Amino acid sequence: MFEAVEELLVEHAALEERLADPSVHADQANARKLAKRYAELTPITATYRAWRQAGEDIEAAREFAAEDPDFIAEIKSAEARQAELTEDLRLLLVPRDPSDEKDVILEIKAGEGGEESALFAGDLLRMYLRFAERTGWKTEIIDSNESDLGGYKDVSVAVKTKGTVEPGQGVWARLKYEGGVHRVQRVPATESQGRIHTSAAGVLVTPEAEEVEVEVHANDLRIDVYRSSGPGGQSVNTTDSAVRITHLPTGIVASCQNEKSQLQNKESAMRILRSRLLAAAQEAAEQEASDARRSQVRTVDRSERIRTYNYPENRISDHRTGFKSYNLDQVLDGELNPVIQSCVDADAAAKLASAQQN
């Protein structure tokens, strides 16, 4: 069943030998690449060896059982163990997203619902910031446009890991399922009659690109500077420090007005632009990347949603996986793992089913 794993075992052993060679570490970039692949293969090889050992245990128990019926229980135990390892190995062999360990830029945009939608966008921002804090990630708000009541018309956040990432635990691996339209049902702060309203906010998640991954030519960029806008007060700049960058070949636009200096805003806008260009390139080049992003924001419309946050019932529902729980207050405080895990599990099951068909 797992004949191909033998090749992975050979690759794993070769990587182990290469990483033990001090000369390999003279090239740090190459050493990191080798170490990353080694880390990916380690759980596969360990599980496969345990699966193979379970098979040998079954055969041994059957031989003993022929003479001593007491060993029949050992057969059942070993078979159960092998069945469990078979499923574990199947999941480990599911094709992985090459971007799983990347950091991300997460954008939240208010949609239908006016000020209420902007307030909900602010609630989503706080939810993701708290989730990142609980997970041990770093966050940086790189652009924001606040509404009059303290919500956000739109906001962009960089989310990064602080150190070594375990396979499947990178920022993109967990947050890529958040892309889409999020719908809220509650009594708005602006509602005087106590009626429940429905509004929506859109979330777009893209893996953050390194400069070497996306080649951007200066001649392909149009850079406009303007005076930043805001709800008022000292946060509104009095100089043209806000920056908007347009990538002329694709028409992709990124802007930033949060920083005080034009140079800082330009650097932040370039980070957003690179991540959008990378996502666009992946979507054009790989059908798999297109599938992964298909559920993300097209139009921030109440009818096109991936998740509903129902305040009166304290309920959160994910419409892609069927996940439902009645601890919305805790989820909004950053306890997002169960919701995200339902998406991870559904994605793995779909990939596994596809691999079995092929």
Protein backbone atom coordinates (compact mmCIF):
# COMPACT_ATOMS: atom_id res chain seq x y z
CA MET A 1 0.00 0.00 0.00
CA PHE A 2 2.80 2.42 0.89
CA GLU A 3 5.48 1.34 -1.59
CA ALA A 4 6.36 4.96 -2.39
CA VAL A 5 7.35 5.53 1.24
CA GLU A 6 10.46 3.42 0.72
CA GLU A 7 11.79 6.15 -1.59
CA LEU A 8 11.07 8.74 1.10
CA LEU A 9 13.02 6.67 3.63
CA VAL A 10 16.02 6.68 1.29
CA GLU A 11 15.69 10.46 0.85
CA HIS A 12 15.38 10.95 4.62
CA ALA A 13 18.55 8.92 5.27
CA ALA A 14 20.46 10.86 2.60
CA LEU A 15 19.34 14.18 4.10
CA GLU A 16 20.42 13.05 7.56
CA GLU A 17 23.86 12.23 6.20
CA ARG A 18 24.17 15.56 4.39
CA LEU A 19 23.05 17.60 7.39
CA ALA A 20 25.72 15.85 9.50
CA ASP A 21 28.37 17.25 7.14
CA PRO A 22 29.67 20.59 8.56
CA SER A 23 30.49 21.88 5.06
CA VAL A 24 26.78 21.85 4.15
CA HIS A 25 26.11 24.52 6.79
CA ALA A 26 28.49 26.95 5.09
CA ASP A 27 25.53 27.77 2.84
CA GLN A 28 22.88 28.67 5.41
CA ALA A 29 20.08 29.06 2.88
CA ASN A 30 20.69 25.59 1.45
CA ALA A 31 21.08 24.11 4.96
CA ARG A 32 17.70 25.55 5.98
CA LYS A 33 16.10 24.11 2.85
CA LEU A 34 17.54 20.65 3.59
CA ALA A 35 16.54 20.86 7.27
CA LYS A 36 13.00 21.84 6.31
CA ARG A 37 12.65 18.83 4.01
CA TYR A 38 14.18 16.57 6.66
CA ALA A 39 11.62 17.81 9.20
CA GLU A 40 8.81 17.10 6.72
CA LEU A 41 9.96 13.52 6.15
CA THR A 42 10.77 12.62 9.78
CA PRO A 43 7.18 11.96 10.96
CA ILE A 44 6.47 9.97 7.76
CA THR A 45 9.48 7.70 8.23
CA ALA A 46 8.81 7.23 11.97
CA THR A 47 5.15 6.35 11.37
CA TYR A 48 5.99 4.02 8.49
CA ARG A 49 8.53 2.13 10.61
CA ALA A 50 5.97 1.79 13.41
CA TRP A 51 3.37 0.59 10.86
CA ARG A 52 5.79 -1.99 9.50
CA GLN A 53 6.69 -3.14 13.04
CA ALA A 54 2.97 -3.56 13.81
CA GLY A 55 2.70 -5.86 10.79
CA GLU A 56 5.59 -7.95 12.07
CA ASP A 57 3.95 -8.08 15.51
CA ILE A 58 0.75 -9.40 13.93
CA GLU A 59 2.63 -12.20 12.16
CA ALA A 60 4.50 -13.15 15.34
CA ALA A 61 1.31 -13.17 17.41
CA ARG A 62 -0.41 -15.42 14.86
CA GLU A 63 2.44 -17.91 15.05
CA PHE A 64 2.27 -18.00 18.85
CA ALA A 65 -1.55 -18.18 18.80
CA ALA A 66 -1.37 -21.40 16.80
CA GLU A 67 0.07 -23.01 19.90
CA ASP A 68 -1.35 -20.82 22.65
CA PRO A 69 -4.88 -19.29 22.32
CA ASP A 70 -3.94 -16.59 24.86
CA PHE A 71 -2.08 -14.80 22.03
CA ILE A 72 -5.34 -14.16 20.12
CA ALA A 73 -5.80 -10.97 22.14
CA GLU A 74 -2.30 -9.88 21.06
CA ILE A 75 -3.33 -10.30 17.42
CA LYS A 76 -6.36 -8.03 17.88
CA SER A 77 -4.29 -5.43 19.68
CA ALA A 78 -1.60 -5.38 17.00
CA GLU A 79 -4.21 -5.20 14.21
CA ALA A 80 -5.90 -2.23 15.90
CA ARG A 81 -2.52 -0.55 16.26
CA GLN A 82 -1.69 -1.10 12.61
CA ALA A 83 -5.09 0.20 11.49
CA GLU A 84 -4.50 3.38 13.50
CA LEU A 85 -1.02 3.79 12.01
CA THR A 86 -2.40 3.17 8.51
CA GLU A 87 -4.74 6.13 8.88
CA ASP A 88 -1.97 8.28 10.38
CA LEU A 89 0.30 7.46 7.46
CA ARG A 90 -2.42 8.18 4.91
CA LEU A 91 -2.85 11.65 6.39
CA LEU A 92 0.90 12.27 6.46
CA LEU A 93 1.10 11.41 2.77
CA VAL A 94 -1.60 13.93 1.80
CA PRO A 95 0.04 16.53 -0.51
CA ARG A 96 1.14 19.55 1.50
CA ASP A 97 0.72 23.19 0.58
CA PRO A 98 4.26 24.52 -0.09
CA SER A 99 3.28 27.85 1.46
CA ASP A 100 2.14 26.34 4.79
CA GLU A 101 5.10 27.66 6.77
CA LYS A 102 4.91 31.19 5.36
CA ASP A 103 3.85 34.25 7.31
CA VAL A 104 0.76 36.05 6.04
CA ILE A 105 -0.82 39.41 5.39
CA LEU A 106 -4.42 39.37 6.56
CA GLU A 107 -6.81 42.05 5.28
CA ILE A 108 -10.23 42.80 6.69
CA LYS A 109 -12.70 44.96 4.77
CA ALA A 110 -16.09 46.24 5.87
CA GLY A 111 -18.90 45.36 3.49
CA GLU A 112 -22.65 45.78 3.48
CA GLY A 113 -24.01 47.20 6.68
CA GLY A 114 -22.31 50.61 6.92
CA GLU A 115 -20.99 51.50 10.37
CA GLU A 116 -22.15 48.18 11.81
CA SER A 117 -20.04 46.32 9.26
CA ALA A 118 -17.03 48.49 10.14
CA LEU A 119 -17.53 47.73 13.84
CA PHE A 120 -17.72 44.02 13.04
CA ALA A 121 -14.49 44.33 11.04
CA GLY A 122 -12.95 45.75 14.22
CA ASP A 123 -14.26 42.75 16.20
CA LEU A 124 -12.69 40.37 13.68
CA LEU A 125 -9.40 42.25 13.93
CA ARG A 126 -9.36 41.89 17.71
CA MET A 127 -10.25 38.20 17.38
CA TYR A 128 -7.29 37.54 15.09
CA LEU A 129 -4.92 39.62 17.23
CA ARG A 130 -5.95 37.65 20.34
CA PHE A 131 -5.65 34.33 18.46
CA ALA A 132 -2.15 35.29 17.30
CA GLU A 133 -1.22 36.25 20.87
CA ARG A 134 -2.49 32.92 22.22
CA THR A 135 -0.61 31.04 19.50
CA GLY A 136 2.65 32.89 20.13
CA TRP A 137 2.72 34.77 16.82
CA LYS A 138 3.76 38.37 16.23
CA THR A 139 1.37 40.88 14.64
CA GLU A 140 1.87 44.26 13.03
CA ILE A 141 -0.89 46.52 11.73
CA ILE A 142 0.60 47.88 8.52
CA ASP A 143 -2.36 49.86 7.22
CA SER A 144 -5.78 50.84 8.54
CA ASN A 145 -8.69 53.10 7.73
CA GLU A 146 -10.88 53.66 10.79
CA SER A 147 -14.57 54.50 10.75
CA ASP A 148 -16.21 57.30 12.72
CA LEU A 149 -17.45 54.96 15.46
CA GLY A 150 -14.12 53.22 16.05
CA GLY A 151 -14.48 50.33 13.62
CA TYR A 152 -12.45 49.72 10.48
CA LYS A 153 -13.38 50.35 6.88
CA ASP A 154 -10.31 48.27 6.06
CA VAL A 155 -7.20 47.10 7.89
CA SER A 156 -4.13 45.06 6.91
CA VAL A 157 -2.14 43.03 9.45
CA ALA A 158 1.14 41.14 9.08
CA VAL A 159 1.12 37.91 11.13
CA LYS A 160 4.46 36.19 11.73
CA THR A 161 5.89 33.26 13.66
CA LYS A 162 8.56 33.91 16.28
CA GLY A 163 10.79 30.93 15.59
CA THR A 164 10.94 27.41 14.19
CA VAL A 165 7.63 26.17 12.83
CA GLU A 166 6.42 22.61 13.19
CA PRO A 167 4.99 21.08 9.97
CA GLY A 168 1.36 22.11 9.56
CA GLN A 169 1.58 24.79 12.26
CA GLY A 170 2.74 27.77 10.17
CA VAL A 171 0.69 30.96 10.00
CA TRP A 172 -0.54 30.26 6.45
CA ALA A 173 -1.28 26.62 7.34
CA ARG A 174 -3.77 27.80 9.96
CA LEU A 175 -5.07 31.16 8.72
CA LYS A 176 -5.54 30.36 5.02
CA TYR A 177 -9.02 29.03 5.85
CA GLU A 178 -10.12 32.44 7.17
CA GLY A 179 -10.41 33.97 3.72
CA GLY A 180 -13.99 34.71 2.75
CA VAL A 181 -17.08 36.61 3.81
CA HIS A 182 -17.88 36.59 7.53
CA ARG A 183 -21.50 37.37 8.43
CA VAL A 184 -22.68 38.78 11.76
CA GLN A 185 -26.19 38.74 13.23
CA ARG A 186 -26.73 41.04 16.20
CA VAL A 187 -28.41 44.20 17.44
CA PRO A 188 -26.18 47.04 16.23
CA ALA A 189 -25.07 49.80 18.57
CA THR A 190 -26.84 52.22 16.22
CA GLU A 191 -30.19 50.33 16.41
CA SER A 192 -32.71 52.07 18.67
CA GLN A 193 -35.55 49.53 18.24
CA GLY A 194 -33.55 46.48 19.40
CA ARG A 195 -33.89 44.69 16.08
CA ILE A 196 -31.34 42.11 14.94
CA HIS A 197 -29.46 43.13 11.81
CA THR A 198 -27.24 41.13 9.46
CA SER A 199 -24.06 42.62 8.04
CA ALA A 200 -20.80 41.30 6.66
CA ALA A 201 -17.07 41.88 6.48
CA GLY A 202 -14.58 40.29 4.11
CA VAL A 203 -11.27 38.67 5.03
CA LEU A 204 -8.47 38.08 2.53
CA VAL A 205 -5.38 36.09 3.55
CA THR A 206 -2.24 35.92 1.41
CA PRO A 207 1.15 34.34 2.15
CA GLU A 208 3.76 37.05 2.61
CA ALA A 209 6.31 37.05 -0.18
CA GLU A 210 10.03 37.49 0.20
CA GLU A 211 11.72 39.84 -2.25
CA VAL A 212 13.42 36.95 -4.03
CA GLU A 213 10.05 35.30 -4.74
CA VAL A 214 8.49 38.22 -6.60
CA GLU A 215 10.49 40.28 -9.06
CA VAL A 216 9.15 43.82 -9.18
CA HIS A 217 10.67 46.28 -11.65
CA ALA A 218 10.64 49.96 -10.72
CA ASN A 219 9.45 50.85 -14.22
CA ASP A 220 6.33 48.75 -13.64
CA LEU A 221 5.25 50.82 -10.65
CA ARG A 222 3.27 54.04 -10.39
CA ILE A 223 3.71 55.61 -6.97
CA ASP A 224 1.24 58.27 -5.81
CA VAL A 225 1.51 60.20 -2.57
CA TYR A 226 -1.39 61.88 -0.84
CA ARG A 227 -2.53 63.18 2.52
CA SER A 228 -3.75 60.45 4.84
CA SER A 229 -7.34 60.43 6.02
CA GLY A 230 -8.83 59.37 9.33
CA PRO A 231 -11.54 60.03 11.87
CA GLY A 232 -9.89 63.25 12.95
CA GLY A 233 -7.50 64.55 15.56
CA GLN A 234 -3.75 64.11 15.67
CA SER A 235 -3.81 60.89 13.67
CA VAL A 236 -4.43 62.82 10.45
CA ASN A 237 -1.15 63.79 8.82
CA THR A 238 -0.59 67.32 7.63
CA THR A 239 1.86 66.26 4.90
CA ASP A 240 1.55 64.03 1.85
CA SER A 241 2.99 60.95 3.55
CA ALA A 242 0.43 58.34 2.48
CA VAL A 243 1.53 56.16 -0.44
CA ARG A 244 -0.40 54.26 -3.11
CA ILE A 245 1.54 51.88 -5.39
CA THR A 246 0.03 50.55 -8.60
CA HIS A 247 1.64 47.60 -10.40
CA LEU A 248 0.94 48.66 -13.98
CA PRO A 249 1.20 45.24 -15.72
CA THR A 250 -1.42 43.66 -13.45
CA GLY A 251 -3.34 46.66 -12.12
CA ILE A 252 -2.83 45.43 -8.54
CA VAL A 253 -2.85 48.31 -6.04
CA ALA A 254 -1.51 48.55 -2.49
CA SER A 255 -1.59 51.56 -0.21
CA CYS A 256 -0.48 52.53 3.28
CA GLN A 257 -1.02 55.62 5.41
CA ASN A 258 -0.36 54.40 8.96
CA GLU A 259 3.26 55.49 9.32
CA LYS A 260 4.41 59.06 9.81
CA SER A 261 6.99 59.06 7.04
CA GLN A 262 6.45 58.59 3.35
CA LEU A 263 9.38 56.13 3.21
CA GLN A 264 7.89 53.87 5.90
CA ASN A 265 4.50 53.91 4.17
CA LYS A 266 6.17 53.02 0.87
CA GLU A 267 7.96 50.04 2.45
CA SER A 268 4.72 48.77 4.01
CA ALA A 269 2.79 49.21 0.76
CA MET A 270 5.49 47.24 -1.08
CA ARG A 271 5.11 44.36 1.40
CA ILE A 272 1.38 44.22 0.69
CA LEU A 273 1.97 44.51 -3.06
CA ARG A 274 4.50 41.66 -3.09
CA SER A 275 2.15 39.35 -1.20
CA ARG A 276 -0.69 40.18 -3.61
CA LEU A 277 1.54 39.65 -6.65
CA LEU A 278 2.72 36.32 -5.25
CA ALA A 279 -0.85 35.20 -4.63
CA ALA A 280 -1.87 36.31 -8.13
CA ALA A 281 1.08 34.48 -9.70
CA GLN A 282 0.32 31.30 -7.78
CA GLU A 283 -3.34 31.49 -8.70
CA ALA A 284 -2.52 31.90 -12.38
CA ALA A 285 0.15 29.19 -12.42
CA GLU A 286 -1.33 26.52 -10.18
CA GLN A 287 -4.89 25.23 -10.19
CA GLU A 288 -4.35 24.02 -6.63
CA ALA A 289 -3.63 27.56 -5.47
CA SER A 290 -6.70 28.74 -7.33
CA ASP A 291 -8.82 26.14 -5.55
CA ALA A 292 -7.39 27.18 -2.19
CA ARG A 293 -8.38 30.80 -2.77
CA ARG A 294 -11.71 30.14 -4.48
CA SER A 295 -13.65 30.59 -1.23
CA GLN A 296 -12.04 33.93 -0.45
CA VAL A 297 -13.62 37.31 -0.95
CA ARG A 298 -15.20 38.08 -4.29
CA THR A 299 -17.78 40.61 -3.17
CA VAL A 300 -18.50 41.41 0.44
CA ASP A 301 -22.13 40.42 0.20
CA ARG A 302 -24.23 39.05 3.05
CA SER A 303 -25.39 36.10 0.96
CA GLU A 304 -21.86 34.91 0.11
CA ARG A 305 -20.47 33.77 3.43
CA ILE A 306 -18.19 31.15 4.94
CA ARG A 307 -19.09 31.73 8.58
CA THR A 308 -21.85 33.28 10.68
CA TYR A 309 -21.42 34.91 14.09
CA ASN A 310 -24.81 34.95 15.84
CA TYR A 311 -24.62 37.12 18.96
CA PRO A 312 -28.14 36.51 20.39
CA GLU A 313 -27.51 32.73 20.44
CA ASN A 314 -23.77 33.06 21.24
CA ARG A 315 -23.31 30.75 18.24
CA ILE A 316 -20.62 30.45 15.58
CA SER A 317 -21.24 28.36 12.45
CA ASP A 318 -18.80 27.48 9.67
CA HIS A 319 -20.84 26.79 6.54
CA ARG A 320 -18.04 24.89 4.74
CA THR A 321 -17.48 22.22 7.37
CA GLY A 322 -20.73 22.20 9.35
CA PHE A 323 -18.86 23.17 12.51
CA LYS A 324 -21.11 24.79 15.12
CA SER A 325 -20.55 25.79 18.74
CA TYR A 326 -22.19 28.04 21.31
CA ASN A 327 -19.13 29.80 22.70
CA LEU A 328 -18.98 32.79 20.37
CA ASP A 329 -17.73 35.03 23.17
CA GLN A 330 -14.70 32.78 23.66
CA VAL A 331 -14.03 32.53 19.91
CA LEU A 332 -14.07 36.31 19.61
CA ASP A 333 -11.55 36.35 22.46
CA GLY A 334 -9.17 34.33 20.30
CA GLU A 335 -10.14 30.68 20.91
CA LEU A 336 -10.26 29.95 17.19
CA ASN A 337 -8.42 26.62 17.12
CA PRO A 338 -11.48 24.30 17.08
CA VAL A 339 -13.06 26.26 14.21
CA ILE A 340 -9.85 26.26 12.20
CA GLN A 341 -9.19 22.59 12.95
CA SER A 342 -12.56 21.68 11.43
CA CYS A 343 -11.34 23.31 8.19
CA VAL A 344 -7.94 21.60 8.38
CA ASP A 345 -9.61 18.21 8.86
CA ALA A 346 -12.10 18.77 6.04
CA ASP A 347 -9.32 19.87 3.69
CA ALA A 348 -7.19 16.83 4.56
CA ALA A 349 -10.16 14.50 4.03
CA ALA A 350 -10.87 16.03 0.61
CA LYS A 351 -7.22 15.74 -0.46
CA LEU A 352 -7.05 12.17 0.80
CA ALA A 353 -10.20 11.21 -1.11
CA SER A 354 -8.77 12.83 -4.26
CA ALA A 355 -5.43 11.00 -3.84
CA GLN A 356 -7.25 7.66 -3.44
CA GLN A 357 -9.28 8.27 -6.62
CA ASN A 358 -6.12 8.98 -8.56
